[in-house]
Amino acid sequence: MLKGKKVAVYVTGGIAVYKACDLVRRLIKVGATVRVAMTESATEFVTPLTFQILSKHHVYTDTFDEREGDKVSHIHLADWSDLAVIAPATANTIAKIAYGIGDNFVTTALLATTAPVFIVPAMNEHMLNNAATIRNFQSLENDGHFIMEPDTGFLAEGYEGKGRFPEPEKIVETIQEFLIKKETYLPLKNKKVVITAGGTKERIDPVRYITNDSSGKMGYSLAHAARDLGAEVCLISTSKTLKTPYGVALVSVETAEQMHQAINAEFKEAAIVIMAAAVSDYRPDHVANKKIKKSEQEMTLTLVKNTDILATLGSQKNDQFLIGFAAETHNVEEYAQGKLKKKNADMIVANDVSKPYAGFNKDTNEVTIFMKDEQPIELKVKSKQAIAEEILAVALTKMKK
């Protein structure tokens, strides 16, 4: 959502300025072009040179430092930006913006800004809860600005309280959700996308289970990509370690049966269902209620078939666009084409998990997309996030409007 966006970051004078350095870096990492302006107080904590090196642009600090004769710097920055981020925003600067005061480069540029304004307050808890600050927040919200909730934790003053600068990763995620809501058109706006992720676990006893090597990374990448396209995303996952993308609804499950039940609860409302999870084909016919102790005898484990979730959904679908995954080690095309027909899916995304750069527990993937009466589409090796975006781009061209 931030890829290609021009973001003006306005840094004001608080101890959290050092965290704004990481914020600038993260904004650039997700594809934004960033330019920084600082108040004089902010430069007491971190030098402009630091932000200049990070952003690869001159840092604005002085209203009267006009470096380009054909431009008025604070107006040019305001007009250039697609988004203004004030981070950290002190109580002092918040008050100035609320009352329209332009007495330094930052506040003057913000007075001229017509782009959305995203404010990240950071201050002492007592300042945050002061009646004047609360009034100023309300005034800024009435003006259409977005104010991010500060975190609670250990403050610079040496005690716990509310007012901490949120972690930069969280700020970037919140900005992306904010921009999604601002967009008037996104291809999946007001549509539900249900995605499964991870490997299901089938219990043998309280400490043992049957599972597979799926990490869930592909499913989480798809959830992230669908969210950025405006979808209401429901992620049904077995993972206990991956971080849920901001703005995505998580349903935690363990077994294939639990996953099936969770999908059934969402299926009717879904526009797209993506079965990226590696679902166990079999489960033990009996689950011991206590740990099975080792003996001198061999143990035989009897397995029974789990419900074929993808095939069941294929027989039930109406207008839902159904995408399945095929993780294979050989005969990839043969098995994927067979799965496409047998499961009545609209798309099968197949990959060879024996490759060192694709499949389970990798950050990269290489897949081939199969659809009925279509030539296979090969997506060469790249990050799972990039693969996820391309899968959804193909799906959007094929699904019913």
Protein backbone atom coordinates (compact mmCIF):
# COMPACT_ATOMS: atom_id res chain seq x y z
CA MET A 1 0.00 0.00 0.00
CA LEU A 2 2.96 2.32 0.55
CA LYS A 3 4.81 1.26 -2.59
CA GLY A 4 5.43 4.32 -4.74
CA LYS A 5 3.94 6.71 -2.17
CA LYS A 6 5.67 10.02 -1.40
CA VAL A 7 5.78 10.37 2.38
CA ALA A 8 6.81 13.49 4.27
CA VAL A 9 7.93 12.60 7.79
CA TYR A 10 7.78 15.50 10.26
CA VAL A 11 9.96 14.88 13.30
CA THR A 12 9.38 16.92 16.46
CA GLY A 13 11.37 17.23 19.66
CA GLY A 14 11.02 14.29 22.02
CA ILE A 15 13.21 11.44 23.20
CA ALA A 16 11.43 9.12 20.76
CA VAL A 17 13.15 10.86 17.83
CA TYR A 18 15.70 8.04 17.72
CA LYS A 19 12.88 5.60 16.92
CA ALA A 20 11.82 7.81 14.00
CA CYS A 21 15.09 6.81 12.31
CA ASP A 22 13.90 3.21 12.19
CA LEU A 23 10.47 4.36 11.02
CA VAL A 24 12.01 6.17 8.03
CA ARG A 25 14.03 3.07 7.18
CA ARG A 26 10.96 0.82 7.34
CA LEU A 27 8.87 3.17 5.19
CA ILE A 28 11.56 3.10 2.53
CA LYS A 29 11.83 -0.69 2.81
CA VAL A 30 8.14 -1.12 1.89
CA GLY A 31 8.56 1.07 -1.17
CA ALA A 32 7.85 4.64 -0.07
CA THR A 33 9.92 7.66 -1.06
CA VAL A 34 10.59 9.59 2.15
CA ARG A 35 11.62 13.17 2.84
CA VAL A 36 12.13 14.46 6.36
CA ALA A 37 11.54 17.80 8.07
CA MET A 38 12.58 18.46 11.68
CA THR A 39 11.86 21.05 14.33
CA GLU A 40 14.82 22.72 16.01
CA SER A 41 14.09 20.77 19.20
CA ALA A 42 14.19 17.47 17.30
CA THR A 43 17.72 18.22 16.09
CA GLU A 44 18.86 18.27 19.74
CA PHE A 45 18.16 14.52 19.93
CA VAL A 46 19.25 13.31 16.46
CA THR A 47 21.14 15.29 13.84
CA PRO A 48 19.58 16.05 10.43
CA LEU A 49 22.53 14.24 8.85
CA THR A 50 21.22 10.93 10.20
CA PHE A 51 17.88 11.37 8.45
CA GLN A 52 19.60 12.69 5.32
CA ILE A 53 21.66 9.50 5.03
CA LEU A 54 18.61 7.29 5.67
CA SER A 55 16.29 9.11 3.27
CA LYS A 56 18.91 10.07 0.65
CA HIS A 57 17.39 13.58 0.62
CA HIS A 58 18.14 16.95 2.16
CA VAL A 59 16.42 17.36 5.56
CA TYR A 60 14.32 20.49 6.02
CA THR A 61 14.88 22.39 9.29
CA ASP A 62 14.78 26.12 8.50
CA THR A 63 11.81 27.92 6.93
CA PHE A 64 14.14 30.49 5.39
CA ASP A 65 16.70 28.06 3.98
CA GLU A 66 15.49 28.25 0.38
CA ARG A 67 17.89 26.07 -1.60
CA GLU A 68 16.01 26.13 -4.89
CA GLY A 69 15.21 29.55 -6.31
CA ASP A 70 12.11 28.39 -8.16
CA LYS A 71 10.52 26.67 -5.15
CA VAL A 72 9.25 27.71 -1.73
CA SER A 73 10.50 24.76 0.30
CA HIS A 74 7.68 24.29 2.82
CA ILE A 75 5.00 24.64 0.11
CA HIS A 76 6.89 22.38 -2.26
CA LEU A 77 7.19 19.61 0.38
CA ALA A 78 3.49 19.95 1.24
CA ASP A 79 2.47 19.72 -2.42
CA TRP A 80 4.91 16.86 -3.11
CA SER A 81 3.65 14.52 -0.39
CA ASP A 82 0.95 11.86 -0.75
CA LEU A 83 1.00 11.43 3.01
CA ALA A 84 2.25 13.46 5.97
CA VAL A 85 3.43 11.53 9.03
CA ILE A 86 4.21 13.43 12.26
CA ALA A 87 6.38 11.11 14.33
CA PRO A 88 6.99 11.67 17.13
CA ALA A 89 4.34 14.33 17.63
CA THR A 90 4.90 16.28 20.84
CA ALA A 91 2.14 17.96 22.83
CA ASN A 92 3.59 21.31 21.78
CA THR A 93 3.41 20.59 18.03
CA ILE A 94 -0.01 18.99 18.37
CA ALA A 95 -1.29 22.18 20.01
CA LYS A 96 0.20 24.33 17.24
CA ILE A 97 -1.35 22.24 14.48
CA ALA A 98 -4.73 22.23 16.22
CA TYR A 99 -4.72 26.05 16.33
CA GLY A 100 -3.18 26.59 12.90
CA ILE A 101 0.07 28.09 14.13
CA GLY A 102 2.94 28.10 11.64
CA ASP A 103 6.07 29.23 13.46
CA ASN A 104 8.68 26.77 12.12
CA PHE A 105 9.27 24.70 8.99
CA VAL A 106 7.24 21.72 10.23
CA THR A 107 4.11 23.58 11.32
CA THR A 108 4.21 25.89 8.29
CA ALA A 109 4.48 22.96 5.86
CA LEU A 110 1.65 21.16 7.65
CA LEU A 111 -0.55 24.27 7.30
CA ALA A 112 -0.10 23.95 3.53
CA THR A 113 -0.60 20.17 3.40
CA THR A 114 -3.69 18.85 1.62
CA ALA A 115 -2.60 15.18 1.75
CA PRO A 116 -3.81 12.90 4.59
CA VAL A 117 -2.09 13.61 7.92
CA PHE A 118 -1.11 10.71 10.20
CA ILE A 119 -0.09 11.72 13.74
CA VAL A 120 1.94 9.55 16.15
CA PRO A 121 1.88 11.20 19.60
CA ALA A 122 4.66 10.48 22.10
CA MET A 123 4.80 12.22 25.46
CA ASN A 124 4.53 11.81 29.21
CA GLU A 125 1.28 10.23 30.40
CA HIS A 126 0.24 13.35 32.35
CA MET A 127 0.75 15.53 29.28
CA LEU A 128 -1.21 13.03 27.19
CA ASN A 129 -4.15 13.11 29.61
CA ASN A 130 -4.12 16.88 30.07
CA ALA A 131 -7.51 18.39 29.20
CA ALA A 132 -5.89 20.76 26.69
CA THR A 133 -4.17 17.88 24.85
CA ILE A 134 -7.41 15.90 24.75
CA ARG A 135 -9.20 18.95 23.27
CA ASN A 136 -6.44 19.32 20.68
CA PHE A 137 -6.73 15.66 19.68
CA GLN A 138 -10.46 16.10 19.21
CA SER A 139 -9.93 19.21 17.13
CA LEU A 140 -7.41 17.42 14.88
CA GLU A 141 -9.74 14.45 14.40
CA ASN A 142 -12.56 16.85 13.52
CA ASP A 143 -10.24 18.30 10.87
CA GLY A 144 -9.88 14.81 9.36
CA HIS A 145 -6.45 13.92 10.71
CA PHE A 146 -5.68 10.42 12.03
CA ILE A 147 -4.20 10.05 15.51
CA MET A 148 -2.54 6.76 16.38
CA GLU A 149 -3.00 5.48 19.91
CA PRO A 150 0.27 5.69 21.91
CA ASP A 151 1.59 2.56 23.57
CA THR A 152 1.70 1.87 27.29
CA GLY A 153 5.03 0.94 28.85
CA PHE A 154 8.22 2.19 30.45
CA LEU A 155 8.52 5.96 29.91
CA ALA A 156 11.68 8.05 29.75
CA GLU A 157 10.79 9.46 33.19
CA GLY A 158 11.43 6.04 34.72
CA TYR A 159 7.93 4.72 35.36
CA GLU A 160 5.19 2.84 33.53
CA GLY A 161 2.52 4.82 31.73
CA LYS A 162 0.73 5.56 28.50
CA GLY A 163 2.44 7.78 25.95
CA ARG A 164 5.21 5.62 24.51
CA PHE A 165 6.05 5.89 20.83
CA PRO A 166 4.71 2.70 19.19
CA GLU A 167 7.17 0.34 17.59
CA PRO A 168 8.00 1.48 14.02
CA GLU A 169 6.81 -1.81 12.53
CA LYS A 170 3.40 -1.27 14.14
CA ILE A 171 3.26 2.31 12.85
CA VAL A 172 3.95 1.19 9.27
CA GLU A 173 1.22 -1.46 9.51
CA THR A 174 -1.25 1.10 10.92
CA ILE A 175 -0.37 3.59 8.17
CA GLN A 176 -1.08 0.95 5.54
CA GLU A 177 -4.48 0.15 7.06
CA PHE A 178 -5.21 3.90 7.25
CA LEU A 179 -4.39 4.34 3.55
CA ILE A 180 -6.51 1.33 2.57
CA LYS A 181 -9.54 2.91 4.27
CA LYS A 182 -8.79 6.21 2.49
CA GLU A 183 -8.73 4.64 -0.97
CA THR A 184 -11.95 5.16 -2.90
CA TYR A 185 -11.32 2.15 -5.15
CA LEU A 186 -9.49 -1.07 -4.46
CA PRO A 187 -10.25 -4.28 -6.38
CA LEU A 188 -11.22 -6.27 -3.26
CA LYS A 189 -12.93 -3.45 -1.35
CA ASN A 190 -15.99 -4.77 0.55
CA LYS A 191 -15.13 -8.37 -0.38
CA LYS A 192 -14.24 -11.15 2.04
CA VAL A 193 -11.20 -13.33 1.39
CA VAL A 194 -10.73 -16.50 3.46
CA ILE A 195 -7.22 -17.94 3.58
CA THR A 196 -5.88 -21.03 5.33
CA ALA A 197 -2.26 -21.32 6.43
CA GLY A 198 0.14 -23.75 8.09
CA GLY A 199 0.21 -27.50 8.59
CA THR A 200 -2.60 -29.14 10.51
CA LYS A 201 -1.80 -31.37 13.49
CA GLU A 202 -3.54 -34.67 14.20
CA ARG A 203 -3.08 -35.84 17.78
CA ILE A 204 -1.83 -39.28 18.70
CA ASP A 205 -1.71 -38.51 22.42
CA PRO A 206 -1.33 -35.29 24.48
CA VAL A 207 2.33 -34.84 23.47
CA ARG A 208 2.57 -36.35 19.97
CA TYR A 209 0.93 -35.60 16.66
CA ILE A 210 1.12 -36.13 12.90
CA THR A 211 1.92 -33.01 10.91
CA ASN A 212 4.02 -31.70 8.01
CA ASP A 213 6.69 -29.06 7.36
CA SER A 214 4.40 -26.20 6.32
CA SER A 215 5.34 -22.96 8.10
CA GLY A 216 2.30 -20.95 6.98
CA LYS A 217 4.43 -18.22 5.41
CA MET A 218 2.70 -18.44 2.02
CA GLY A 219 -0.75 -18.11 3.58
CA TYR A 220 0.33 -15.13 5.68
CA SER A 221 1.82 -13.45 2.60
CA LEU A 222 -1.48 -13.96 0.79
CA ALA A 223 -3.37 -12.46 3.74
CA HIS A 224 -1.10 -9.42 3.66
CA ALA A 225 -1.56 -9.00 -0.10
CA ALA A 226 -5.36 -9.41 0.07
CA ARG A 227 -5.57 -6.83 2.85
CA ASP A 228 -3.64 -4.34 0.74
CA LEU A 229 -6.16 -4.87 -2.07
CA GLY A 230 -8.91 -3.75 0.29
CA ALA A 231 -10.32 -7.13 1.30
CA GLU A 232 -11.81 -8.11 4.62
CA VAL A 233 -9.44 -10.97 5.34
CA CYS A 234 -10.10 -13.99 7.55
CA LEU A 235 -6.92 -16.00 8.13
CA ILE A 236 -7.50 -19.53 9.43
CA SER A 237 -4.12 -20.67 10.69
CA THR A 238 -2.33 -23.37 12.65
CA SER A 239 0.81 -21.23 13.13
CA LYS A 240 1.77 -20.18 16.64
CA THR A 241 4.85 -18.19 15.61
CA LEU A 242 4.01 -16.00 12.61
CA LYS A 243 2.79 -12.46 13.22
CA THR A 244 -0.74 -11.77 12.01
CA PRO A 245 -0.80 -8.94 9.46
CA TYR A 246 -2.36 -5.79 10.89
CA GLY A 247 -6.08 -5.55 10.10
CA VAL A 248 -6.47 -9.28 9.39
CA ALA A 249 -8.89 -11.39 11.45
CA LEU A 250 -7.17 -14.53 12.78
CA VAL A 251 -8.91 -17.81 13.57
CA SER A 252 -6.53 -20.25 15.28
CA VAL A 253 -7.05 -23.97 14.66
CA GLU A 254 -5.01 -27.15 15.02
CA THR A 255 -6.66 -30.11 13.31
CA ALA A 256 -8.08 -30.61 9.83
CA GLU A 257 -11.57 -30.94 11.30
CA GLN A 258 -11.23 -27.65 13.17
CA MET A 259 -10.04 -25.99 9.96
CA HIS A 260 -13.01 -27.40 8.07
CA GLN A 261 -15.44 -26.07 10.65
CA ALA A 262 -13.81 -22.64 10.61
CA ILE A 263 -14.01 -22.43 6.80
CA ASN A 264 -17.66 -23.51 6.80
CA ALA A 265 -18.46 -20.58 9.12
CA GLU A 266 -16.97 -18.11 6.60
CA PHE A 267 -17.54 -19.75 3.22
CA LYS A 268 -20.94 -18.33 2.25
CA GLU A 269 -19.77 -14.73 2.69
CA ALA A 270 -16.45 -15.22 0.88
CA ALA A 271 -15.59 -13.89 -2.56
CA ILE A 272 -12.28 -15.76 -2.65
CA VAL A 273 -11.20 -18.83 -0.65
CA ILE A 274 -7.52 -19.78 -0.74
CA MET A 275 -6.54 -23.15 0.66
CA ALA A 276 -2.83 -22.47 1.22
CA ALA A 277 -2.66 -24.72 4.30
CA ALA A 278 -1.10 -28.17 4.15
CA VAL A 279 -4.00 -30.22 5.49
CA SER A 280 -3.33 -33.71 6.87
CA ASP A 281 -4.93 -36.36 4.68
CA TYR A 282 -5.18 -38.79 7.60
CA ARG A 283 -5.62 -38.79 11.37
CA PRO A 284 -5.28 -41.49 14.04
CA ASP A 285 -8.52 -43.40 14.55
CA HIS A 286 -8.05 -43.03 18.30
CA VAL A 287 -6.42 -40.31 20.40
CA ALA A 288 -5.00 -41.50 23.71
CA ASN A 289 -5.91 -39.29 26.67
CA LYS A 290 -2.54 -39.99 28.30
CA LYS A 291 0.98 -40.16 26.92
CA ILE A 292 1.61 -43.54 25.31
CA LYS A 293 4.55 -45.14 27.12
CA LYS A 294 7.27 -46.98 25.29
CA SER A 295 7.20 -50.77 25.50
CA GLU A 296 9.16 -53.67 24.05
CA GLN A 297 6.43 -54.30 21.50
CA GLU A 298 6.07 -52.59 18.14
CA MET A 299 3.20 -50.14 17.91
CA THR A 300 0.76 -50.03 15.02
CA LEU A 301 -1.01 -46.76 14.33
CA THR A 302 -4.30 -47.00 12.46
CA LEU A 303 -5.18 -43.95 10.39
CA VAL A 304 -8.51 -42.84 8.96
CA LYS A 305 -9.15 -40.32 6.20
CA ASN A 306 -9.84 -36.68 6.98
CA THR A 307 -12.49 -34.79 5.05
CA ASP A 308 -11.13 -33.45 1.76
CA ILE A 309 -11.81 -29.78 2.49
CA LEU A 310 -10.91 -28.46 -0.96
CA ALA A 311 -13.10 -31.04 -2.74
CA THR A 312 -15.97 -30.33 -0.35
CA LEU A 313 -15.74 -26.60 -1.01
CA GLY A 314 -15.54 -27.28 -4.74
CA SER A 315 -18.83 -29.16 -4.62
CA GLN A 316 -20.51 -26.40 -2.58
CA LYS A 317 -19.26 -23.22 -4.25
CA ASN A 318 -21.52 -20.81 -6.07
CA ASP A 319 -19.80 -17.54 -6.96
CA GLN A 320 -16.77 -18.10 -4.74
CA PHE A 321 -13.40 -18.17 -6.53
CA LEU A 322 -11.68 -21.23 -5.10
CA ILE A 323 -7.88 -21.51 -5.08
CA GLY A 324 -6.05 -24.63 -3.95
CA PHE A 325 -2.37 -25.35 -3.48
CA ALA A 326 -0.46 -28.46 -4.56
CA ALA A 327 2.86 -29.07 -2.85
CA GLU A 328 4.56 -31.85 -4.80
CA THR A 329 7.99 -33.47 -5.09
CA HIS A 330 7.52 -34.94 -8.61
CA ASN A 331 5.08 -34.97 -11.55
CA VAL A 332 3.99 -31.49 -10.49
CA GLU A 333 1.94 -30.61 -13.57
CA GLU A 334 0.20 -34.00 -13.77
CA TYR A 335 -0.88 -33.91 -10.12
CA ALA A 336 -1.88 -30.23 -10.22
CA GLN A 337 -4.04 -30.69 -13.34
CA GLY A 338 -5.67 -33.72 -11.74
CA LYS A 339 -6.35 -31.80 -8.54
CA LEU A 340 -7.83 -28.87 -10.47
CA LYS A 341 -10.40 -31.15 -12.13
CA LYS A 342 -11.08 -33.50 -9.23
CA LYS A 343 -11.54 -30.77 -6.62
CA ASN A 344 -13.54 -28.43 -8.92
CA ALA A 345 -11.20 -25.57 -8.04
CA ASP A 346 -10.89 -22.42 -10.13
CA MET A 347 -7.13 -22.30 -9.69
CA ILE A 348 -4.39 -24.59 -8.43
CA VAL A 349 -1.06 -23.09 -7.38
CA ALA A 350 1.56 -25.83 -7.60
CA ASN A 351 5.15 -25.92 -6.49
CA ASP A 352 7.96 -28.41 -6.21
CA VAL A 353 8.80 -28.44 -2.50
CA SER A 354 11.95 -30.46 -3.09
CA LYS A 355 13.65 -27.37 -4.54
CA PRO A 356 15.96 -25.57 -2.09
CA TYR A 357 14.40 -22.15 -2.74
CA ALA A 358 10.71 -23.09 -2.80
CA GLY A 359 8.07 -24.63 -0.60
CA PHE A 360 7.95 -25.27 3.12
CA ASN A 361 9.77 -23.01 5.59
CA LYS A 362 11.32 -20.86 2.86
CA ASP A 363 11.02 -17.11 2.42
CA THR A 364 11.02 -17.52 -1.37
CA ASN A 365 8.87 -19.59 -3.68
CA GLU A 366 8.47 -20.60 -7.31
CA VAL A 367 5.03 -21.70 -8.47
CA THR A 368 2.96 -22.56 -11.53
CA ILE A 369 -0.68 -21.50 -11.74
CA PHE A 370 -3.12 -23.92 -13.37
CA MET A 371 -6.65 -22.99 -14.47
CA LYS A 372 -9.27 -24.71 -16.62
CA ASP A 373 -8.77 -24.23 -20.36
CA GLU A 374 -5.80 -21.92 -19.73
CA GLN A 375 -2.09 -22.21 -20.36
CA PRO A 376 -0.10 -22.65 -17.12
CA ILE A 377 1.39 -19.44 -15.74
CA GLU A 378 4.89 -19.79 -14.32
CA LEU A 379 5.98 -17.46 -11.54
CA LYS A 380 9.75 -17.66 -11.21
CA VAL A 381 11.53 -17.62 -7.86
CA LYS A 382 10.97 -14.50 -5.75
CA SER A 383 9.79 -13.62 -2.25
CA LYS A 384 6.59 -15.26 -1.05
CA GLN A 385 5.10 -11.80 -0.65
CA ALA A 386 5.74 -11.03 -4.34
CA ILE A 387 4.38 -14.45 -5.34
CA ALA A 388 1.24 -13.79 -3.26
CA GLU A 389 0.65 -10.47 -4.99
CA GLU A 390 0.99 -12.07 -8.42
CA ILE A 391 -1.37 -14.94 -7.54
CA LEU A 392 -4.07 -12.47 -6.52
CA ALA A 393 -3.43 -10.33 -9.60
CA VAL A 394 -4.13 -13.38 -11.79
CA ALA A 395 -7.20 -14.32 -9.75
CA LEU A 396 -8.64 -10.83 -10.16
CA THR A 397 -8.51 -11.14 -13.93
CA LYS A 398 -10.43 -14.43 -13.85
CA MET A 399 -13.03 -14.13 -11.10
CA LYS A 400 -16.57 -12.90 -11.66
CA LYS A 401 -17.04 -9.19 -10.97
